[in-house]
Amino acid sequence: MLQINALILAAGEARRFGRPKQLLPWGADETILSHVIRQVRATPGIVTTNVVLGAWFAEITSGLKTSLKPVNVIRNYDWQVGMFSSLKAGLKQIADRGKSASGSGSDGIIILLGDMPFITTETLSRFVAAAPEAGSRPLIASEAGRPAHPYLIRPAHIGEILSLSGESGIRPFIQKEFPEAGKIEVEKSVGRRDIDTWKGYFDNRPADSAAVTPDPPEFDRT
């Protein structure tokens, strides 16, 4: 049976929000990040869930003690450099863990963003199911013929990804591999929609979400 890991990138500062958007309410008794974690952990075939945190580390680890308890938290001290630094931090730890005597190897790593709460267990399960047939190829979400989120890479890809300059993030690797990669078709709402403004948050959050306290200024919702 394949050993699939998940790597959730959630180290950003969320400057537009002025607070950790990972902790914003998302449905009953959940936050944006805890919802993503729950979707991942409910996916059969994903054996380890890794979450990269950076900005707001203390606030998130304190606010999500229950959700973070069963996952491997990776701290990215270089989060200010950008998202690619979080990807590198996560991949390095997964690779090191696989090499250690006590660690478990990985046949694939599903990489997803902590501010895209529209991901579902059903979508992630399609990646897990397609992984064996794809062999050594990556699996990349496809929306209208274009690469989207999430994607699944193989351990053999880690060295190449870590060697990238970081100026364009992982994009050069995705663009190079996309033509021959295994493709998982996703809706735009899954593969491209993230929460990056107050308006986007209030327009899309579930109706049963708890109130935001303190309430953000009205001008911040645009």
N, C-alpha and C. Protein backbone atom coordinates (compact mmCIF):
# COMPACT_ATOMS: atom_id res chain seq x y z
N MET A 1 0.84 -1.21 0.00
CA MET A 1 0.00 0.00 0.00
C MET A 1 0.87 1.25 0.00
N LEU A 2 0.53 2.22 -0.85
CA LEU A 2 1.32 3.44 -0.93
C LEU A 2 1.24 4.24 0.36
N GLN A 3 2.34 4.91 0.67
CA GLN A 3 2.39 5.79 1.83
C GLN A 3 2.31 7.23 1.33
N ILE A 4 1.15 7.85 1.50
CA ILE A 4 0.94 9.21 1.02
C ILE A 4 0.95 10.17 2.20
N ASN A 5 1.77 11.21 2.09
CA ASN A 5 1.80 12.27 3.09
C ASN A 5 1.06 13.49 2.56
N ALA A 6 0.61 14.33 3.46
CA ALA A 6 0.03 15.61 3.08
C ALA A 6 0.87 16.73 3.67
N LEU A 7 1.05 17.79 2.91
CA LEU A 7 1.81 18.95 3.36
C LEU A 7 0.95 20.19 3.16
N ILE A 8 0.50 20.78 4.27
CA ILE A 8 -0.36 21.96 4.24
C ILE A 8 0.49 23.20 4.53
N LEU A 9 0.48 24.15 3.62
CA LEU A 9 1.27 25.37 3.78
C LEU A 9 0.39 26.46 4.39
N ALA A 10 0.73 26.87 5.61
CA ALA A 10 -0.11 27.83 6.34
C ALA A 10 0.73 28.79 7.15
N ALA A 11 1.84 29.26 6.57
CA ALA A 11 2.78 30.09 7.32
C ALA A 11 2.65 31.57 7.04
N GLY A 12 1.73 31.97 6.18
CA GLY A 12 1.66 33.36 5.77
C GLY A 12 1.18 34.32 6.85
N GLU A 13 1.50 35.60 6.66
CA GLU A 13 1.17 36.63 7.63
C GLU A 13 -0.25 37.15 7.49
N ALA A 14 -0.84 37.02 6.29
CA ALA A 14 -2.19 37.54 6.03
C ALA A 14 -2.28 39.02 6.37
N ARG A 15 -1.45 39.81 5.72
CA ARG A 15 -1.37 41.24 6.05
C ARG A 15 -2.70 41.96 5.85
N ARG A 16 -3.49 41.56 4.87
CA ARG A 16 -4.77 42.23 4.63
C ARG A 16 -5.73 42.08 5.80
N PHE A 17 -5.53 41.03 6.58
CA PHE A 17 -6.45 40.75 7.67
C PHE A 17 -5.99 41.35 9.00
N GLY A 18 -4.69 41.53 9.15
CA GLY A 18 -4.19 42.07 10.41
C GLY A 18 -4.31 41.10 11.56
N ARG A 19 -4.53 39.86 11.28
CA ARG A 19 -4.68 38.79 12.27
C ARG A 19 -4.49 37.47 11.54
N PRO A 20 -4.31 36.36 12.25
CA PRO A 20 -4.13 35.07 11.56
C PRO A 20 -5.43 34.59 10.93
N LYS A 21 -5.52 34.68 9.62
CA LYS A 21 -6.75 34.24 8.96
C LYS A 21 -6.96 32.74 9.11
N GLN A 22 -5.88 32.00 9.44
CA GLN A 22 -6.02 30.57 9.69
C GLN A 22 -7.00 30.29 10.82
N LEU A 23 -7.19 31.28 11.70
CA LEU A 23 -8.07 31.10 12.86
C LEU A 23 -9.46 31.70 12.67
N LEU A 24 -9.75 32.25 11.50
CA LEU A 24 -11.07 32.80 11.26
C LEU A 24 -12.11 31.68 11.23
N PRO A 25 -13.29 31.90 11.83
CA PRO A 25 -14.31 30.85 11.87
C PRO A 25 -14.72 30.39 10.47
N TRP A 26 -14.88 29.08 10.34
CA TRP A 26 -15.29 28.49 9.06
C TRP A 26 -16.23 27.33 9.37
N GLY A 27 -17.52 27.62 9.39
CA GLY A 27 -18.49 26.61 9.76
C GLY A 27 -18.56 26.44 11.26
N ALA A 28 -19.42 25.54 11.68
CA ALA A 28 -19.64 25.32 13.11
C ALA A 28 -18.40 24.73 13.78
N ASP A 29 -17.89 25.45 14.77
CA ASP A 29 -16.80 24.96 15.62
C ASP A 29 -15.51 24.70 14.86
N GLU A 30 -15.29 25.37 13.73
CA GLU A 30 -14.06 25.18 12.97
C GLU A 30 -13.48 26.53 12.56
N THR A 31 -12.22 26.48 12.13
CA THR A 31 -11.58 27.64 11.54
C THR A 31 -11.14 27.24 10.12
N ILE A 32 -10.64 28.21 9.37
CA ILE A 32 -10.20 27.91 8.00
C ILE A 32 -9.17 26.77 8.02
N LEU A 33 -8.15 26.90 8.87
CA LEU A 33 -7.09 25.89 8.87
C LEU A 33 -7.56 24.57 9.47
N SER A 34 -8.32 24.60 10.55
CA SER A 34 -8.76 23.34 11.14
C SER A 34 -9.67 22.58 10.19
N HIS A 35 -10.44 23.29 9.37
CA HIS A 35 -11.29 22.65 8.37
C HIS A 35 -10.44 21.92 7.33
N VAL A 36 -9.40 22.60 6.84
CA VAL A 36 -8.51 21.95 5.85
C VAL A 36 -7.86 20.71 6.46
N ILE A 37 -7.39 20.84 7.70
CA ILE A 37 -6.76 19.70 8.37
C ILE A 37 -7.75 18.54 8.49
N ARG A 38 -8.98 18.83 8.84
CA ARG A 38 -9.97 17.76 9.00
C ARG A 38 -10.24 17.06 7.68
N GLN A 39 -10.31 17.81 6.59
CA GLN A 39 -10.53 17.19 5.29
C GLN A 39 -9.38 16.25 4.93
N VAL A 40 -8.17 16.69 5.23
CA VAL A 40 -7.00 15.86 4.93
C VAL A 40 -6.99 14.60 5.78
N ARG A 41 -7.20 14.76 7.07
CA ARG A 41 -7.11 13.62 7.97
C ARG A 41 -8.25 12.62 7.77
N ALA A 42 -9.33 13.06 7.16
CA ALA A 42 -10.45 12.16 6.89
C ALA A 42 -10.29 11.41 5.57
N THR A 43 -9.19 11.67 4.86
CA THR A 43 -8.97 11.03 3.56
C THR A 43 -8.25 9.70 3.72
N PRO A 44 -8.89 8.59 3.39
CA PRO A 44 -8.22 7.28 3.48
C PRO A 44 -6.99 7.25 2.58
N GLY A 45 -5.90 6.72 3.11
CA GLY A 45 -4.68 6.61 2.33
C GLY A 45 -3.64 7.66 2.64
N ILE A 46 -4.04 8.76 3.27
CA ILE A 46 -3.06 9.75 3.71
C ILE A 46 -2.61 9.35 5.11
N VAL A 47 -1.35 8.98 5.24
CA VAL A 47 -0.88 8.40 6.50
C VAL A 47 -0.31 9.43 7.46
N THR A 48 0.16 10.56 6.93
CA THR A 48 0.75 11.60 7.78
C THR A 48 0.32 12.96 7.27
N THR A 49 -0.06 13.84 8.20
CA THR A 49 -0.42 15.20 7.86
C THR A 49 0.60 16.15 8.45
N ASN A 50 1.21 16.96 7.61
CA ASN A 50 2.21 17.94 8.02
C ASN A 50 1.67 19.34 7.76
N VAL A 51 1.86 20.23 8.73
CA VAL A 51 1.39 21.61 8.59
C VAL A 51 2.58 22.54 8.83
N VAL A 52 2.85 23.41 7.86
CA VAL A 52 3.94 24.38 8.00
C VAL A 52 3.37 25.69 8.52
N LEU A 53 3.88 26.15 9.65
CA LEU A 53 3.47 27.42 10.25
C LEU A 53 4.67 28.36 10.32
N GLY A 54 4.38 29.64 10.32
CA GLY A 54 5.46 30.63 10.42
C GLY A 54 5.00 31.85 11.17
N ALA A 55 4.40 32.81 10.44
CA ALA A 55 3.80 33.97 11.10
C ALA A 55 2.67 33.49 12.00
N TRP A 56 2.47 34.21 13.10
CA TRP A 56 1.40 33.87 14.04
C TRP A 56 1.56 32.45 14.63
N PHE A 57 2.79 31.98 14.71
CA PHE A 57 3.01 30.61 15.18
C PHE A 57 2.40 30.38 16.56
N ALA A 58 2.69 31.27 17.49
CA ALA A 58 2.19 31.09 18.86
C ALA A 58 0.68 31.15 18.91
N GLU A 59 0.09 32.10 18.17
CA GLU A 59 -1.37 32.23 18.19
C GLU A 59 -2.06 31.00 17.61
N ILE A 60 -1.52 30.47 16.52
CA ILE A 60 -2.16 29.33 15.86
C ILE A 60 -1.97 28.05 16.68
N THR A 61 -0.78 27.83 17.18
CA THR A 61 -0.56 26.61 17.97
C THR A 61 -1.36 26.64 19.26
N SER A 62 -1.60 27.84 19.80
CA SER A 62 -2.42 27.95 21.00
C SER A 62 -3.90 27.81 20.68
N GLY A 63 -4.32 28.40 19.56
CA GLY A 63 -5.74 28.40 19.22
C GLY A 63 -6.25 27.10 18.62
N LEU A 64 -5.33 26.29 18.09
CA LEU A 64 -5.74 25.05 17.42
C LEU A 64 -5.08 23.82 18.06
N LYS A 65 -4.99 23.83 19.38
CA LYS A 65 -4.32 22.72 20.06
C LYS A 65 -4.91 21.37 19.70
N THR A 66 -6.22 21.27 19.66
CA THR A 66 -6.86 19.99 19.37
C THR A 66 -6.62 19.57 17.93
N SER A 67 -6.77 20.49 16.99
CA SER A 67 -6.59 20.16 15.57
C SER A 67 -5.14 19.82 15.24
N LEU A 68 -4.20 20.48 15.91
CA LEU A 68 -2.79 20.27 15.60
C LEU A 68 -2.18 19.08 16.34
N LYS A 69 -2.86 18.60 17.35
CA LYS A 69 -2.29 17.52 18.16
C LYS A 69 -1.92 16.28 17.34
N PRO A 70 -2.77 15.83 16.39
CA PRO A 70 -2.43 14.62 15.64
C PRO A 70 -1.60 14.86 14.39
N VAL A 71 -1.15 16.10 14.15
CA VAL A 71 -0.38 16.38 12.94
C VAL A 71 1.05 16.73 13.29
N ASN A 72 1.90 16.70 12.28
CA ASN A 72 3.30 17.08 12.45
C ASN A 72 3.44 18.55 12.09
N VAL A 73 3.72 19.39 13.08
CA VAL A 73 3.87 20.84 12.86
C VAL A 73 5.32 21.15 12.52
N ILE A 74 5.51 21.82 11.41
CA ILE A 74 6.83 22.23 10.94
C ILE A 74 6.90 23.75 11.01
N ARG A 75 7.88 24.26 11.71
CA ARG A 75 7.99 25.72 11.83
C ARG A 75 8.94 26.27 10.79
N ASN A 76 8.47 27.24 10.02
CA ASN A 76 9.28 27.91 9.02
C ASN A 76 9.70 29.27 9.56
N TYR A 77 10.95 29.38 9.96
CA TYR A 77 11.44 30.63 10.51
C TYR A 77 11.69 31.67 9.41
N ASP A 78 11.70 31.24 8.15
CA ASP A 78 11.95 32.14 7.03
C ASP A 78 10.67 32.48 6.28
N TRP A 79 9.54 32.47 6.96
CA TRP A 79 8.26 32.67 6.28
C TRP A 79 8.16 33.99 5.55
N GLN A 80 8.93 35.01 6.02
CA GLN A 80 8.86 36.32 5.37
C GLN A 80 9.34 36.27 3.92
N VAL A 81 10.17 35.27 3.60
CA VAL A 81 10.72 35.16 2.25
C VAL A 81 9.63 34.81 1.23
N GLY A 82 8.57 34.13 1.68
CA GLY A 82 7.50 33.76 0.77
C GLY A 82 7.10 32.30 0.91
N MET A 83 6.05 31.93 0.18
CA MET A 83 5.48 30.60 0.31
C MET A 83 6.45 29.48 -0.05
N PHE A 84 7.34 29.76 -1.01
CA PHE A 84 8.27 28.71 -1.42
C PHE A 84 9.17 28.28 -0.27
N SER A 85 9.47 29.21 0.64
CA SER A 85 10.31 28.84 1.78
C SER A 85 9.58 27.85 2.68
N SER A 86 8.25 27.94 2.75
CA SER A 86 7.46 26.99 3.53
C SER A 86 7.45 25.63 2.86
N LEU A 87 7.33 25.63 1.55
CA LEU A 87 7.37 24.37 0.81
C LEU A 87 8.70 23.68 1.02
N LYS A 88 9.79 24.44 0.94
CA LYS A 88 11.12 23.87 1.15
C LYS A 88 11.26 23.31 2.56
N ALA A 89 10.80 24.05 3.55
CA ALA A 89 10.92 23.59 4.94
C ALA A 89 10.17 22.27 5.12
N GLY A 90 8.97 22.19 4.54
CA GLY A 90 8.18 20.98 4.68
C GLY A 90 8.79 19.79 3.96
N LEU A 91 9.25 20.00 2.73
CA LEU A 91 9.82 18.91 1.96
C LEU A 91 11.12 18.40 2.58
N LYS A 92 11.93 19.32 3.11
CA LYS A 92 13.17 18.91 3.75
C LYS A 92 12.90 18.00 4.94
N GLN A 93 11.92 18.37 5.76
CA GLN A 93 11.64 17.54 6.94
C GLN A 93 11.06 16.19 6.55
N ILE A 94 10.17 16.17 5.57
CA ILE A 94 9.61 14.90 5.13
C ILE A 94 10.71 14.00 4.56
N ALA A 95 11.62 14.59 3.77
CA ALA A 95 12.72 13.81 3.20
C ALA A 95 13.63 13.28 4.30
N ASP A 96 13.96 14.12 5.27
CA ASP A 96 14.84 13.69 6.36
C ASP A 96 14.19 12.60 7.19
N ARG A 97 12.90 12.72 7.43
CA ARG A 97 12.19 11.72 8.20
C ARG A 97 12.17 10.38 7.47
N GLY A 98 12.06 10.44 6.16
CA GLY A 98 12.06 9.21 5.38
C GLY A 98 13.40 8.50 5.39
N LYS A 99 14.49 9.27 5.55
CA LYS A 99 15.82 8.68 5.57
C LYS A 99 16.20 8.11 6.93
N SER A 100 15.53 8.59 7.98
CA SER A 100 15.91 8.16 9.33
C SER A 100 15.45 6.75 9.60
N ALA A 101 16.09 6.12 10.54
CA ALA A 101 15.75 4.73 10.88
C ALA A 101 14.35 4.61 11.42
N SER A 102 13.91 5.65 12.14
CA SER A 102 12.59 5.59 12.77
C SER A 102 11.50 6.19 11.90
N GLY A 103 11.89 6.86 10.83
CA GLY A 103 10.90 7.50 9.98
C GLY A 103 10.31 6.56 8.97
N SER A 104 9.20 6.95 8.40
CA SER A 104 8.57 6.14 7.36
C SER A 104 8.76 6.82 6.02
N GLY A 105 8.97 6.02 4.99
CA GLY A 105 9.15 6.56 3.66
C GLY A 105 7.85 7.10 3.11
N SER A 106 7.92 7.74 1.96
CA SER A 106 6.73 8.30 1.34
C SER A 106 6.73 7.97 -0.13
N ASP A 107 5.57 7.60 -0.64
CA ASP A 107 5.42 7.34 -2.07
C ASP A 107 4.83 8.53 -2.79
N GLY A 108 4.39 9.51 -2.04
CA GLY A 108 3.82 10.70 -2.64
C GLY A 108 3.50 11.72 -1.57
N ILE A 109 3.56 12.99 -1.95
CA ILE A 109 3.29 14.08 -1.02
C ILE A 109 2.26 15.00 -1.66
N ILE A 110 1.07 15.07 -1.08
CA ILE A 110 0.04 15.98 -1.56
C ILE A 110 0.28 17.35 -0.93
N ILE A 111 0.46 18.35 -1.77
CA ILE A 111 0.75 19.70 -1.29
C ILE A 111 -0.48 20.57 -1.51
N LEU A 112 -0.94 21.20 -0.45
CA LEU A 112 -2.11 22.06 -0.55
C LEU A 112 -1.96 23.27 0.35
N LEU A 113 -2.81 24.26 0.13
CA LEU A 113 -2.70 25.53 0.83
C LEU A 113 -3.70 25.60 1.97
N GLY A 114 -3.25 26.16 3.08
CA GLY A 114 -4.09 26.24 4.26
C GLY A 114 -5.18 27.28 4.18
N ASP A 115 -5.17 28.13 3.15
CA ASP A 115 -6.23 29.15 3.02
C ASP A 115 -7.16 28.83 1.86
N MET A 116 -7.24 27.54 1.48
CA MET A 116 -8.17 27.11 0.44
C MET A 116 -9.11 26.07 1.05
N PRO A 117 -10.09 26.53 1.84
CA PRO A 117 -10.95 25.61 2.58
C PRO A 117 -12.01 24.92 1.73
N PHE A 118 -11.95 25.10 0.41
CA PHE A 118 -12.93 24.46 -0.45
C PHE A 118 -12.47 23.07 -0.89
N ILE A 119 -11.27 22.68 -0.45
CA ILE A 119 -10.80 21.33 -0.73
C ILE A 119 -11.66 20.34 0.05
N THR A 120 -11.90 19.19 -0.55
CA THR A 120 -12.75 18.18 0.09
C THR A 120 -12.03 16.85 0.16
N THR A 121 -12.49 16.02 1.08
CA THR A 121 -11.97 14.66 1.18
C THR A 121 -12.17 13.91 -0.13
N GLU A 122 -13.28 14.17 -0.81
CA GLU A 122 -13.55 13.50 -2.08
C GLU A 122 -12.48 13.82 -3.12
N THR A 123 -12.10 15.09 -3.21
CA THR A 123 -11.06 15.47 -4.17
C THR A 123 -9.72 14.85 -3.80
N LEU A 124 -9.36 14.92 -2.53
CA LEU A 124 -8.09 14.34 -2.09
C LEU A 124 -8.07 12.83 -2.32
N SER A 125 -9.21 12.18 -2.15
CA SER A 125 -9.27 10.73 -2.36
C SER A 125 -8.99 10.37 -3.81
N ARG A 126 -9.34 11.25 -4.73
CA ARG A 126 -9.06 10.99 -6.15
C ARG A 126 -7.55 11.01 -6.41
N PHE A 127 -6.82 11.87 -5.71
CA PHE A 127 -5.36 11.88 -5.84
C PHE A 127 -4.78 10.58 -5.30
N VAL A 128 -5.24 10.16 -4.14
CA VAL A 128 -4.73 8.92 -3.54
C VAL A 128 -5.02 7.73 -4.45
N ALA A 129 -6.23 7.67 -5.00
CA ALA A 129 -6.60 6.54 -5.85
C ALA A 129 -5.81 6.50 -7.14
N ALA A 130 -5.46 7.68 -7.67
CA ALA A 130 -4.74 7.75 -8.94
C ALA A 130 -3.24 7.58 -8.80
N ALA A 131 -2.72 7.69 -7.59
CA ALA A 131 -1.27 7.67 -7.39
C ALA A 131 -0.60 6.39 -7.87
N PRO A 132 -1.13 5.18 -7.59
CA PRO A 132 -0.43 3.97 -8.05
C PRO A 132 -0.31 3.88 -9.57
N GLU A 133 -1.39 4.18 -10.27
CA GLU A 133 -1.38 4.07 -11.73
C GLU A 133 -0.46 5.09 -12.38
N ALA A 134 -0.27 6.23 -11.72
CA ALA A 134 0.57 7.28 -12.30
C ALA A 134 2.05 6.94 -12.23
N GLY A 135 2.40 5.90 -11.49
CA GLY A 135 3.80 5.49 -11.39
C GLY A 135 4.65 6.55 -10.73
N SER A 136 5.69 7.00 -11.44
CA SER A 136 6.60 7.99 -10.87
C SER A 136 6.21 9.42 -11.23
N ARG A 137 5.14 9.57 -11.98
CA ARG A 137 4.74 10.91 -12.41
C ARG A 137 4.04 11.66 -11.28
N PRO A 138 4.13 12.99 -11.29
CA PRO A 138 3.34 13.75 -10.33
C PRO A 138 1.88 13.76 -10.75
N LEU A 139 1.01 14.11 -9.83
CA LEU A 139 -0.40 14.32 -10.11
C LEU A 139 -0.70 15.79 -9.86
N ILE A 140 -1.34 16.44 -10.82
CA ILE A 140 -1.58 17.88 -10.71
C ILE A 140 -3.04 18.16 -10.99
N ALA A 141 -3.66 18.95 -10.12
CA ALA A 141 -5.04 19.35 -10.37
C ALA A 141 -5.11 20.16 -11.65
N SER A 142 -6.18 19.95 -12.41
CA SER A 142 -6.36 20.65 -13.68
C SER A 142 -7.73 21.31 -13.69
N GLU A 143 -7.75 22.61 -13.97
CA GLU A 143 -9.01 23.37 -14.06
C GLU A 143 -9.01 24.10 -15.38
N ALA A 144 -9.94 23.73 -16.26
CA ALA A 144 -10.04 24.32 -17.59
C ALA A 144 -8.72 24.18 -18.36
N GLY A 145 -8.06 23.05 -18.19
CA GLY A 145 -6.82 22.78 -18.92
C GLY A 145 -5.59 23.45 -18.36
N ARG A 146 -5.71 24.07 -17.21
CA ARG A 146 -4.58 24.75 -16.59
C ARG A 146 -4.26 24.13 -15.24
N PRO A 147 -2.98 24.14 -14.84
CA PRO A 147 -2.64 23.58 -13.52
C PRO A 147 -3.27 24.39 -12.40
N ALA A 148 -3.71 23.70 -11.36
CA ALA A 148 -4.36 24.33 -10.21
C ALA A 148 -3.87 23.60 -8.95
N HIS A 149 -4.54 23.83 -7.86
CA HIS A 149 -4.21 23.18 -6.59
C HIS A 149 -5.25 22.10 -6.29
N PRO A 150 -4.86 21.06 -5.57
CA PRO A 150 -3.52 20.75 -5.05
C PRO A 150 -2.71 19.94 -6.07
N TYR A 151 -1.55 19.46 -5.65
CA TYR A 151 -0.76 18.59 -6.51
C TYR A 151 -0.02 17.58 -5.64
N LEU A 152 0.34 16.47 -6.27
CA LEU A 152 1.04 15.39 -5.57
C LEU A 152 2.37 15.16 -6.27
N ILE A 153 3.45 15.29 -5.51
CA ILE A 153 4.79 15.03 -6.06
C ILE A 153 5.33 13.74 -5.47
N ARG A 154 6.40 13.24 -6.08
CA ARG A 154 7.06 12.02 -5.62
C ARG A 154 8.37 12.38 -4.89
N PRO A 155 8.84 11.51 -4.02
CA PRO A 155 10.11 11.79 -3.32
C PRO A 155 11.26 12.10 -4.28
N ALA A 156 11.24 11.47 -5.47
CA ALA A 156 12.31 11.72 -6.44
C ALA A 156 12.30 13.15 -6.96
N HIS A 157 11.19 13.86 -6.79
CA HIS A 157 11.10 15.24 -7.26
C HIS A 157 11.63 16.25 -6.25
N ILE A 158 11.83 15.82 -5.01
CA ILE A 158 12.17 16.78 -3.95
C ILE A 158 13.47 17.51 -4.25
N GLY A 159 14.50 16.79 -4.67
CA GLY A 159 15.78 17.42 -4.95
C GLY A 159 15.67 18.49 -6.02
N GLU A 160 14.93 18.19 -7.09
CA GLU A 160 14.76 19.16 -8.17
C GLU A 160 14.02 20.40 -7.67
N ILE A 161 12.98 20.20 -6.88
CA ILE A 161 12.21 21.33 -6.37
C ILE A 161 13.05 22.19 -5.44
N LEU A 162 13.82 21.56 -4.56
CA LEU A 162 14.65 22.31 -3.63
C LEU A 162 15.77 23.08 -4.34
N SER A 163 16.11 22.65 -5.54
CA SER A 163 17.18 23.33 -6.28
C SER A 163 16.69 24.58 -7.02
N LEU A 164 15.38 24.77 -7.06
CA LEU A 164 14.84 25.96 -7.74
C LEU A 164 15.24 27.23 -6.99
N SER A 165 15.35 28.32 -7.71
CA SER A 165 15.80 29.58 -7.10
C SER A 165 14.78 30.13 -6.11
N GLY A 166 13.52 29.82 -6.34
CA GLY A 166 12.48 30.33 -5.46
C GLY A 166 11.85 31.61 -5.96
N GLU A 167 12.45 32.25 -6.97
CA GLU A 167 11.91 33.51 -7.47
C GLU A 167 10.49 33.33 -8.03
N SER A 168 10.26 32.18 -8.66
CA SER A 168 8.93 31.88 -9.21
C SER A 168 8.26 30.76 -8.44
N GLY A 169 8.77 30.47 -7.26
CA GLY A 169 8.20 29.39 -6.47
C GLY A 169 8.37 28.05 -7.16
N ILE A 170 7.36 27.21 -7.04
CA ILE A 170 7.40 25.89 -7.65
C ILE A 170 6.85 25.92 -9.07
N ARG A 171 6.43 27.08 -9.54
CA ARG A 171 5.79 27.18 -10.84
C ARG A 171 6.60 26.57 -11.98
N PRO A 172 7.93 26.80 -12.07
CA PRO A 172 8.67 26.19 -13.18
C PRO A 172 8.56 24.67 -13.20
N PHE A 173 8.58 24.04 -12.03
CA PHE A 173 8.44 22.58 -11.97
C PHE A 173 7.05 22.15 -12.44
N ILE A 174 6.01 22.82 -11.96
CA ILE A 174 4.64 22.46 -12.33
C ILE A 174 4.43 22.64 -13.83
N GLN A 175 4.90 23.73 -14.38
CA GLN A 175 4.72 23.98 -15.81
C GLN A 175 5.47 22.97 -16.66
N LYS A 176 6.64 22.57 -16.20
CA LYS A 176 7.43 21.58 -16.95
C LYS A 176 6.76 20.20 -16.92
N GLU A 177 6.23 19.83 -15.77
CA GLU A 177 5.67 18.49 -15.60
C GLU A 177 4.22 18.36 -16.06
N PHE A 178 3.50 19.47 -16.13
CA PHE A 178 2.06 19.41 -16.36
C PHE A 178 1.66 18.64 -17.63
N PRO A 179 2.33 18.83 -18.77
CA PRO A 179 1.89 18.13 -19.98
C PRO A 179 1.82 16.61 -19.83
N GLU A 180 2.77 16.01 -19.12
CA GLU A 180 2.82 14.54 -18.99
C GLU A 180 2.34 14.06 -17.63
N ALA A 181 2.01 14.95 -16.75
CA ALA A 181 1.59 14.55 -15.40
C ALA A 181 0.21 13.91 -15.43
N GLY A 182 -0.07 13.11 -14.40
CA GLY A 182 -1.43 12.65 -14.21
C GLY A 182 -2.27 13.85 -13.80
N LYS A 183 -3.46 13.97 -14.35
CA LYS A 183 -4.28 15.16 -14.10
C LYS A 183 -5.56 14.77 -13.37
N ILE A 184 -5.88 15.55 -12.35
CA ILE A 184 -7.11 15.39 -11.60
C ILE A 184 -7.97 16.62 -11.86
N GLU A 185 -9.08 16.44 -12.56
CA GLU A 185 -9.94 17.56 -12.90
C GLU A 185 -10.65 18.09 -11.65
N VAL A 186 -10.59 19.39 -11.46
CA VAL A 186 -11.25 20.02 -10.31
C VAL A 186 -12.04 21.24 -10.77
N GLU A 187 -13.01 21.62 -9.97
CA GLU A 187 -13.76 22.84 -10.24
C GLU A 187 -12.92 24.06 -9.86
N LYS A 188 -13.21 25.19 -10.47
CA LYS A 188 -12.48 26.42 -10.16
C LYS A 188 -12.58 26.75 -8.68
N SER A 189 -13.74 26.47 -8.08
CA SER A 189 -13.93 26.78 -6.67
C SER A 189 -13.01 25.99 -5.78
N VAL A 190 -12.54 24.84 -6.27
CA VAL A 190 -11.62 24.00 -5.49
C VAL A 190 -10.18 24.36 -5.79
N GLY A 191 -9.84 24.47 -7.05
CA GLY A 191 -8.44 24.59 -7.45
C GLY A 191 -7.86 25.97 -7.49
N ARG A 192 -8.70 27.03 -7.42
CA ARG A 192 -8.15 28.37 -7.57
C ARG A 192 -8.64 29.37 -6.52
N ARG A 193 -9.72 29.08 -5.85
CA ARG A 193 -10.31 30.06 -4.93
C ARG A 193 -9.72 29.94 -3.54
N ASP A 194 -9.05 30.99 -3.11
CA ASP A 194 -8.53 31.04 -1.75
C ASP A 194 -9.19 32.20 -1.01
N ILE A 195 -8.87 32.33 0.25
CA ILE A 195 -9.42 33.40 1.07
C ILE A 195 -8.31 34.42 1.30
N ASP A 196 -8.32 35.52 0.54
CA ASP A 196 -7.24 36.49 0.69
C ASP A 196 -7.71 37.92 0.94
N THR A 197 -9.03 38.13 1.09
CA THR A 197 -9.55 39.44 1.46
C THR A 197 -10.72 39.24 2.42
N TRP A 198 -11.05 40.30 3.16
CA TRP A 198 -12.21 40.22 4.04
C TRP A 198 -13.48 39.98 3.24
N LYS A 199 -13.60 40.63 2.08
CA LYS A 199 -14.79 40.43 1.26
C LYS A 199 -14.89 38.97 0.83
N GLY A 200 -13.77 38.41 0.37
CA GLY A 200 -13.79 37.01 -0.03
C GLY A 200 -14.17 36.09 1.11
N TYR A 201 -13.73 36.44 2.30
CA TYR A 201 -14.06 35.61 3.46
C TYR A 201 -15.56 35.68 3.76
N PHE A 202 -16.09 36.90 3.88
CA PHE A 202 -17.51 37.03 4.25
C PHE A 202 -18.44 36.55 3.13
N ASP A 203 -18.00 36.66 1.89
CA ASP A 203 -18.84 36.20 0.78
C ASP A 203 -18.91 34.68 0.69
N ASN A 204 -17.89 34.01 1.19
CA ASN A 204 -17.79 32.57 0.97
C ASN A 204 -17.90 31.69 2.20
N ARG A 205 -17.79 32.26 3.38
CA ARG A 205 -17.78 31.42 4.57
C ARG A 205 -19.14 30.76 4.78
N PRO A 206 -19.18 29.58 5.37
CA PRO A 206 -20.45 28.90 5.63
C PRO A 206 -21.37 29.73 6.52
N ALA A 207 -22.66 29.57 6.32
CA ALA A 207 -23.64 30.39 7.04
C ALA A 207 -23.61 30.15 8.54
N ASP A 208 -23.17 28.97 8.96
CA ASP A 208 -23.17 28.67 10.39
C ASP A 208 -21.86 29.03 11.07
N SER A 209 -21.02 29.82 10.40
CA SER A 209 -19.75 30.24 11.00
C SER A 209 -19.99 31.17 12.17
N ALA A 210 -19.15 31.06 13.18
CA ALA A 210 -19.26 31.94 14.34
C ALA A 210 -18.91 33.37 13.96
N ALA A 211 -19.33 34.31 14.79
CA ALA A 211 -19.02 35.71 14.54
C ALA A 211 -17.53 35.95 14.68
N VAL A 212 -17.04 36.94 13.95
CA VAL A 212 -15.63 37.32 14.02
C VAL A 212 -15.49 38.37 15.11
N THR A 213 -14.63 38.10 16.07
CA THR A 213 -14.41 39.06 17.13
C THR A 213 -12.91 39.32 17.30
N PRO A 214 -12.51 40.60 17.45
CA PRO A 214 -13.38 41.76 17.28
C PRO A 214 -13.78 41.93 15.82
N ASP A 215 -14.94 42.51 15.60
CA ASP A 215 -15.44 42.69 14.25
C ASP A 215 -14.49 43.59 13.47
N PRO A 216 -14.09 43.19 12.26
CA PRO A 216 -13.16 44.02 11.48
C PRO A 216 -13.84 45.30 11.02
N PRO A 217 -13.08 46.38 10.87
CA PRO A 217 -13.66 47.63 10.35
C PRO A 217 -14.31 47.40 9.00
N GLU A 218 -15.37 48.10 8.73
CA GLU A 218 -16.12 47.89 7.49
C GLU A 218 -15.23 48.11 6.27
N PHE A 219 -14.32 49.10 6.32
CA PHE A 219 -13.51 49.38 5.15
C PHE A 219 -12.53 48.24 4.86
N ASP A 220 -12.27 47.38 5.82
CA ASP A 220 -11.35 46.26 5.61
C ASP A 220 -12.01 45.10 4.89
N ARG A 221 -13.31 45.18 4.67
CA ARG A 221 -14.01 44.05 4.06
C ARG A 221 -14.00 44.09 2.55
N THR A 222 -13.30 45.05 1.97
CA THR A 222 -13.27 45.16 0.51
C THR A 222 -11.93 44.70 -0.03
